[in-house]
């Protein structure tokens, strides 16, 4: 595929950000604060904080969002899920985030907790985006999820694109992709959005980047969310067995080359799924020259 020269000239150095998940223990919480301090030195655009099914990690999410908001000036973007919740609960959360000075959110459908029935008043992410705009106007910059290799529950690729376009049209400012290792899947989705009237410069399609450090964890994540692991990557990871150093070096090379290709194609921003680790996220950002 030819490099898109126009985009390469206009977006030479993409923005970058990191995702955290709430720690389960006090020790993990303190370690996460230390990780934040190290990654924050790189000057990311923001940090996002995940939110469990049906708000199952709600208290831990609120704790870390509050702690990080008070710890530095870098924007914190809490994830918000809506399935199974009612509007009053969402409104309460939005008001709380305003008191913390939060101006950015990641709006998701989420998954129903085990045993819960009923989709709630806002069953889909597009409903959540609409409600946030209805409740808070333009106060929040809203990111939504996108899937270069199709959401595992979507009935078709075109249906999935329809859903993403609807989220943009409902008021989403940008979308963050599920992680992927085939740059062409990202570029194909970007081109499809452009053909549907979405300007992916002013309404960015942010590339979600998952560093490779552990083969079993990566394969489990991929199988659960429908992300494709190229056959050569699976084969090589299997061949490395328990050689963690070889896995890390191979994984760094794979992800570095992916990011290089995306940058050459004018990706506007990259969101690193940090897994609450300093390395290899710091190494990748620095090697790619994103902090220069």
Protein backbone atom coordinates (compact mmCIF):
# COMPACT_ATOMS: atom_id res chain seq x y z
CA UNK A 1 0.00 0.00 0.00
CA UNK A 2 1.39 3.43 -0.91
CA UNK A 3 2.13 5.93 1.82
CA UNK A 4 -0.43 8.70 2.00
CA UNK A 5 1.92 11.65 1.38
CA UNK A 6 -0.63 14.32 2.17
CA UNK A 7 -1.30 12.92 5.62
CA UNK A 8 2.38 12.27 6.23
CA UNK A 9 3.15 15.93 5.63
CA UNK A 10 0.33 17.23 7.78
CA UNK A 11 0.70 14.81 10.71
CA UNK A 12 4.41 14.08 11.10
CA UNK A 13 4.42 13.44 14.84
CA UNK A 14 1.23 11.98 16.29
CA UNK A 15 -0.04 12.65 19.78
CA UNK A 16 0.09 9.75 22.21
CA UNK A 17 -1.65 8.69 25.39
CA UNK A 18 -1.75 5.77 27.84
CA UNK A 19 -4.43 3.55 29.35
CA UNK A 20 -4.42 2.38 32.97
CA UNK A 21 -6.67 -0.10 34.76
CA UNK A 22 -7.55 0.29 38.47
CA UNK A 23 -5.32 -1.72 40.79
CA UNK A 24 -6.94 -4.27 43.10
CA UNK A 25 -4.65 -3.74 46.09
CA UNK A 26 -3.13 -0.82 47.97
CA UNK A 27 0.32 -1.96 46.85
CA UNK A 28 -0.88 -2.03 43.25
CA UNK A 29 -2.38 1.42 43.67
CA UNK A 30 0.93 2.85 44.88
CA UNK A 31 2.78 1.14 42.02
CA UNK A 32 0.34 2.66 39.54
CA UNK A 33 1.00 6.13 40.92
CA UNK A 34 4.72 5.53 40.41
CA UNK A 35 4.07 4.31 36.85
CA UNK A 36 2.04 7.46 36.21
CA UNK A 37 4.92 9.62 37.42
CA UNK A 38 7.37 7.93 35.02
CA UNK A 39 5.10 7.95 31.96
CA UNK A 40 3.93 11.48 32.67
CA UNK A 41 7.51 12.68 32.16
CA UNK A 42 7.01 11.81 28.48
CA UNK A 43 4.27 14.49 28.21
CA UNK A 44 1.37 12.36 26.92
CA UNK A 45 -1.86 14.04 25.80
CA UNK A 46 -3.84 12.22 28.51
CA UNK A 47 -4.23 9.04 30.55
CA UNK A 48 -7.42 6.97 30.40
CA UNK A 49 -8.67 4.77 33.24
CA UNK A 50 -10.79 1.69 32.56
CA UNK A 51 -14.13 0.80 34.12
CA UNK A 52 -15.37 -2.74 34.75
CA UNK A 53 -18.52 -4.50 33.51
CA UNK A 54 -21.58 -2.70 34.85
CA UNK A 55 -19.30 -0.46 36.87
CA UNK A 56 -17.80 -3.44 38.74
CA UNK A 57 -14.59 -1.47 39.42
CA UNK A 58 -16.41 1.84 39.85
CA UNK A 59 -15.02 2.71 43.29
CA UNK A 60 -11.46 1.82 42.28
CA UNK A 61 -11.83 3.78 39.04
CA UNK A 62 -13.06 6.84 40.92
CA UNK A 63 -10.21 6.53 43.43
CA UNK A 64 -7.48 6.43 40.80
CA UNK A 65 -9.12 9.16 38.67
CA UNK A 66 -9.23 11.40 41.74
CA UNK A 67 -5.64 10.57 42.72
CA UNK A 68 -4.22 11.17 39.24
CA UNK A 69 -6.22 14.37 38.75
CA UNK A 70 -4.67 15.75 41.93
CA UNK A 71 -1.18 14.45 41.09
CA UNK A 72 -0.51 16.34 37.87
CA UNK A 73 -1.89 18.58 35.15
CA UNK A 74 -2.12 15.96 32.38
CA UNK A 75 -5.72 15.25 31.43
CA UNK A 76 -7.34 12.14 32.91
CA UNK A 77 -10.04 10.44 30.83
CA UNK A 78 -12.24 8.03 32.81
CA UNK A 79 -13.96 5.25 30.92
CA UNK A 80 -17.73 5.24 31.32
CA UNK A 81 -19.91 2.26 30.49
CA UNK A 82 -23.68 2.48 30.24
CA UNK A 83 -25.25 -0.95 29.81
CA UNK A 84 -27.38 -1.81 32.82
CA UNK A 85 -27.17 1.71 34.29
CA UNK A 86 -29.88 4.35 34.41
CA UNK A 87 -29.60 8.00 33.47
CA UNK A 88 -29.62 9.19 37.08
CA UNK A 89 -26.50 7.14 37.83
CA UNK A 90 -24.76 8.45 34.73
CA UNK A 91 -25.75 12.04 35.54
CA UNK A 92 -24.36 11.70 39.06
CA UNK A 93 -21.07 10.44 37.69
CA UNK A 94 -20.86 13.23 35.12
CA UNK A 95 -21.40 15.85 37.81
CA UNK A 96 -18.76 14.25 40.01
CA UNK A 97 -16.23 14.29 37.19
CA UNK A 98 -16.94 17.97 36.62
CA UNK A 99 -16.01 18.69 40.25
CA UNK A 100 -12.63 17.02 39.59
CA UNK A 101 -12.05 19.17 36.52
CA UNK A 102 -12.39 16.23 34.12
CA UNK A 103 -12.94 17.38 30.53
CA UNK A 104 -12.41 14.10 28.62
CA UNK A 105 -14.31 10.78 28.72
CA UNK A 106 -14.15 7.42 26.98
CA UNK A 107 -17.78 6.38 26.38
CA UNK A 108 -18.40 2.65 26.01
CA UNK A 109 -21.30 0.22 26.04
CA UNK A 110 -19.53 -2.13 28.43
CA UNK A 111 -20.61 -5.65 29.36
CA UNK A 112 -23.39 -6.73 31.67
CA UNK A 113 -22.12 -8.20 34.94
CA UNK A 114 -22.71 -11.92 35.29
CA UNK A 115 -26.27 -12.65 36.38
CA UNK A 116 -27.65 -9.19 35.61
CA UNK A 117 -30.59 -8.92 33.25
CA UNK A 118 -31.93 -5.85 31.49
CA UNK A 119 -30.00 -3.45 29.31
CA UNK A 120 -30.87 -0.32 31.27
CA UNK A 121 -31.94 3.08 29.93
CA UNK A 122 -28.78 3.47 27.83
CA UNK A 123 -28.12 0.08 26.23
CA UNK A 124 -25.51 1.14 23.66
CA UNK A 125 -22.53 3.49 23.48
CA UNK A 126 -24.32 5.72 20.97
CA UNK A 127 -27.07 6.22 23.60
CA UNK A 128 -24.45 7.17 26.17
CA UNK A 129 -22.83 9.69 23.81
CA UNK A 130 -26.22 11.26 23.09
CA UNK A 131 -27.03 11.47 26.79
CA UNK A 132 -23.68 13.03 27.72
CA UNK A 133 -24.27 15.72 25.09
CA UNK A 134 -27.85 16.20 26.30
CA UNK A 135 -26.74 16.49 29.92
CA UNK A 136 -23.42 18.32 29.63
CA UNK A 137 -23.33 19.92 26.19
CA UNK A 138 -19.78 20.32 24.92
CA UNK A 139 -18.16 20.20 28.36
CA UNK A 140 -16.55 16.81 27.67
CA UNK A 141 -14.32 15.66 24.83
CA UNK A 142 -15.76 12.20 24.10
CA UNK A 143 -13.77 9.24 22.79
CA UNK A 144 -15.54 6.05 21.71
CA UNK A 145 -14.34 2.57 20.72
CA UNK A 146 -13.70 1.35 17.17
CA UNK A 147 -12.74 -2.03 15.76
CA UNK A 148 -10.44 -2.33 12.72
CA UNK A 149 -11.15 -6.08 12.63
CA UNK A 150 -14.84 -5.78 13.54
CA UNK A 151 -16.46 -6.01 16.95
CA UNK A 152 -16.83 -9.70 17.83
CA UNK A 153 -20.59 -9.26 18.34
CA UNK A 154 -21.26 -7.25 15.18
CA UNK A 155 -23.44 -8.92 12.55
CA UNK A 156 -21.18 -7.66 9.74
CA UNK A 157 -18.29 -5.30 9.06
CA UNK A 158 -20.62 -2.78 7.39
CA UNK A 159 -22.96 -2.89 10.38
CA UNK A 160 -19.99 -2.21 12.65
CA UNK A 161 -18.98 0.80 10.56
CA UNK A 162 -22.57 2.07 10.63
CA UNK A 163 -22.44 1.89 14.41
CA UNK A 164 -19.17 3.82 14.57
CA UNK A 165 -20.45 6.50 12.17
CA UNK A 166 -23.55 6.85 14.35
CA UNK A 167 -21.37 7.43 17.42
CA UNK A 168 -19.45 10.17 15.64
CA UNK A 169 -22.69 11.76 14.46
CA UNK A 170 -24.13 11.56 17.98
CA UNK A 171 -21.31 13.75 19.26
CA UNK A 172 -18.16 11.69 19.65
CA UNK A 173 -15.01 13.73 19.04
CA UNK A 174 -12.75 10.76 18.28
CA UNK A 175 -12.52 7.00 18.52
CA UNK A 176 -9.83 4.70 19.90
CA UNK A 177 -9.36 1.41 18.12
CA UNK A 178 -9.08 -2.03 19.61
CA UNK A 179 -5.46 -3.16 19.40
CA UNK A 180 -4.29 -4.65 16.10
CA UNK A 181 -1.04 -5.72 14.44
CA UNK A 182 -2.02 -5.38 10.79
CA UNK A 183 -1.72 -1.73 9.75
CA UNK A 184 -3.88 -2.35 6.69
CA UNK A 185 -6.89 -3.09 8.91
CA UNK A 186 -6.57 0.37 10.46
CA UNK A 187 -6.08 2.04 7.08
CA UNK A 188 -9.06 0.21 5.59
CA UNK A 189 -11.31 1.36 8.44
CA UNK A 190 -10.02 4.92 8.08
CA UNK A 191 -10.77 4.91 4.36
CA UNK A 192 -14.27 3.52 4.94
CA UNK A 193 -14.99 6.28 7.46
CA UNK A 194 -13.75 8.95 5.05
CA UNK A 195 -16.09 7.60 2.37
CA UNK A 196 -18.94 7.88 4.88
CA UNK A 197 -18.21 11.58 5.47
CA UNK A 198 -16.17 11.32 8.67
CA UNK A 199 -13.14 13.61 8.56
CA UNK A 200 -10.59 11.48 10.43
CA UNK A 201 -8.30 14.47 10.91
CA UNK A 202 -10.82 16.62 12.80
CA UNK A 203 -12.59 13.50 14.16
CA UNK A 204 -9.52 11.31 14.72
CA UNK A 205 -9.32 7.56 14.45
CA UNK A 206 -6.80 6.94 17.22
CA UNK A 207 -4.73 3.76 16.86
CA UNK A 208 -4.85 1.54 19.94
CA UNK A 209 -1.39 0.01 20.47
CA UNK A 210 -0.76 -3.08 22.61
CA UNK A 211 2.92 -3.74 23.42
CA UNK A 212 3.88 -7.44 23.39
CA UNK A 213 5.57 -8.64 26.57
CA UNK A 214 3.80 -11.89 27.45
CA UNK A 215 2.55 -14.36 24.86
CA UNK A 216 -0.10 -16.12 26.95
CA UNK A 217 -1.66 -12.83 28.11
CA UNK A 218 -1.65 -11.43 24.59
CA UNK A 219 -3.31 -14.49 23.08
CA UNK A 220 -5.94 -14.51 25.82
CA UNK A 221 -6.74 -10.82 25.30
CA UNK A 222 -6.92 -11.29 21.54
CA UNK A 223 -9.25 -14.29 21.76
CA UNK A 224 -11.59 -12.48 24.16
CA UNK A 225 -11.94 -9.28 22.11
CA UNK A 226 -11.70 -10.61 18.55
CA UNK A 227 -8.34 -9.01 17.72
CA UNK A 228 -6.29 -10.88 15.14
CA UNK A 229 -2.75 -11.99 15.89
CA UNK A 230 -0.89 -12.56 12.59
CA UNK A 231 0.16 -16.15 12.08
CA UNK A 232 3.87 -15.34 11.99
CA UNK A 233 3.56 -13.55 15.36
CA UNK A 234 1.68 -16.47 16.95
CA UNK A 235 4.21 -18.95 15.54
CA UNK A 236 7.21 -17.00 16.74
CA UNK A 237 5.78 -16.46 20.21
CA UNK A 238 5.11 -20.19 20.46
CA UNK A 239 8.65 -21.00 19.35
CA UNK A 240 10.11 -18.72 22.04
CA UNK A 241 8.38 -20.74 24.77
CA UNK A 242 9.34 -19.34 28.18
CA UNK A 243 12.16 -17.13 26.87
CA UNK A 244 10.72 -13.86 28.18
CA UNK A 245 13.65 -11.75 26.96
CA UNK A 246 13.26 -13.03 23.39
CA UNK A 247 9.50 -12.41 23.55
CA UNK A 248 10.03 -8.83 24.71
CA UNK A 249 12.59 -8.06 22.00
CA UNK A 250 10.52 -9.68 19.25
CA UNK A 251 7.40 -7.94 20.55
CA UNK A 252 9.14 -4.58 20.60
CA UNK A 253 10.25 -5.02 16.98
CA UNK A 254 6.74 -6.01 15.83
CA UNK A 255 5.04 -3.07 17.55
CA UNK A 256 7.75 -0.58 16.60
CA UNK A 257 7.42 -1.50 12.92
CA UNK A 258 3.62 -1.25 13.18
CA UNK A 259 3.87 2.23 14.69
CA UNK A 260 6.41 3.33 12.08
CA UNK A 261 4.01 2.31 9.32
CA UNK A 262 1.11 4.12 10.98
CA UNK A 263 3.16 7.29 11.44
CA UNK A 264 4.21 7.17 7.78
CA UNK A 265 0.53 6.91 6.88
CA UNK A 266 -0.35 9.97 8.97
CA UNK A 267 -1.98 8.43 12.03
CA UNK A 268 -3.19 11.39 14.15
CA UNK A 269 -2.66 9.77 17.55
CA UNK A 270 -1.72 6.52 19.27
CA UNK A 271 -3.17 5.22 22.53
CA UNK A 272 -0.91 2.72 24.32
CA UNK A 273 -2.57 -0.02 26.36
CA UNK A 274 0.08 0.25 29.05
CA UNK A 275 -0.96 -2.70 31.26
CA UNK A 276 0.13 -0.39 34.12
CA UNK A 277 3.80 -0.79 33.15
CA UNK A 278 6.49 1.78 32.41
CA UNK A 279 8.31 -0.50 29.98
CA UNK A 280 8.00 -1.15 27.06
CA UNK A 281 5.67 1.85 26.65
CA UNK A 282 8.41 4.35 27.49
CA UNK A 283 10.87 2.58 25.20
CA UNK A 284 8.44 2.62 22.28
CA UNK A 285 7.48 6.28 22.66
CA UNK A 286 11.11 7.35 22.89
CA UNK A 287 12.31 5.09 20.04
CA UNK A 288 9.57 6.48 17.78
CA UNK A 289 10.67 10.04 18.54
CA UNK A 290 7.24 11.06 19.84
CA UNK A 291 8.71 13.10 22.69
CA UNK A 292 11.28 14.96 20.59
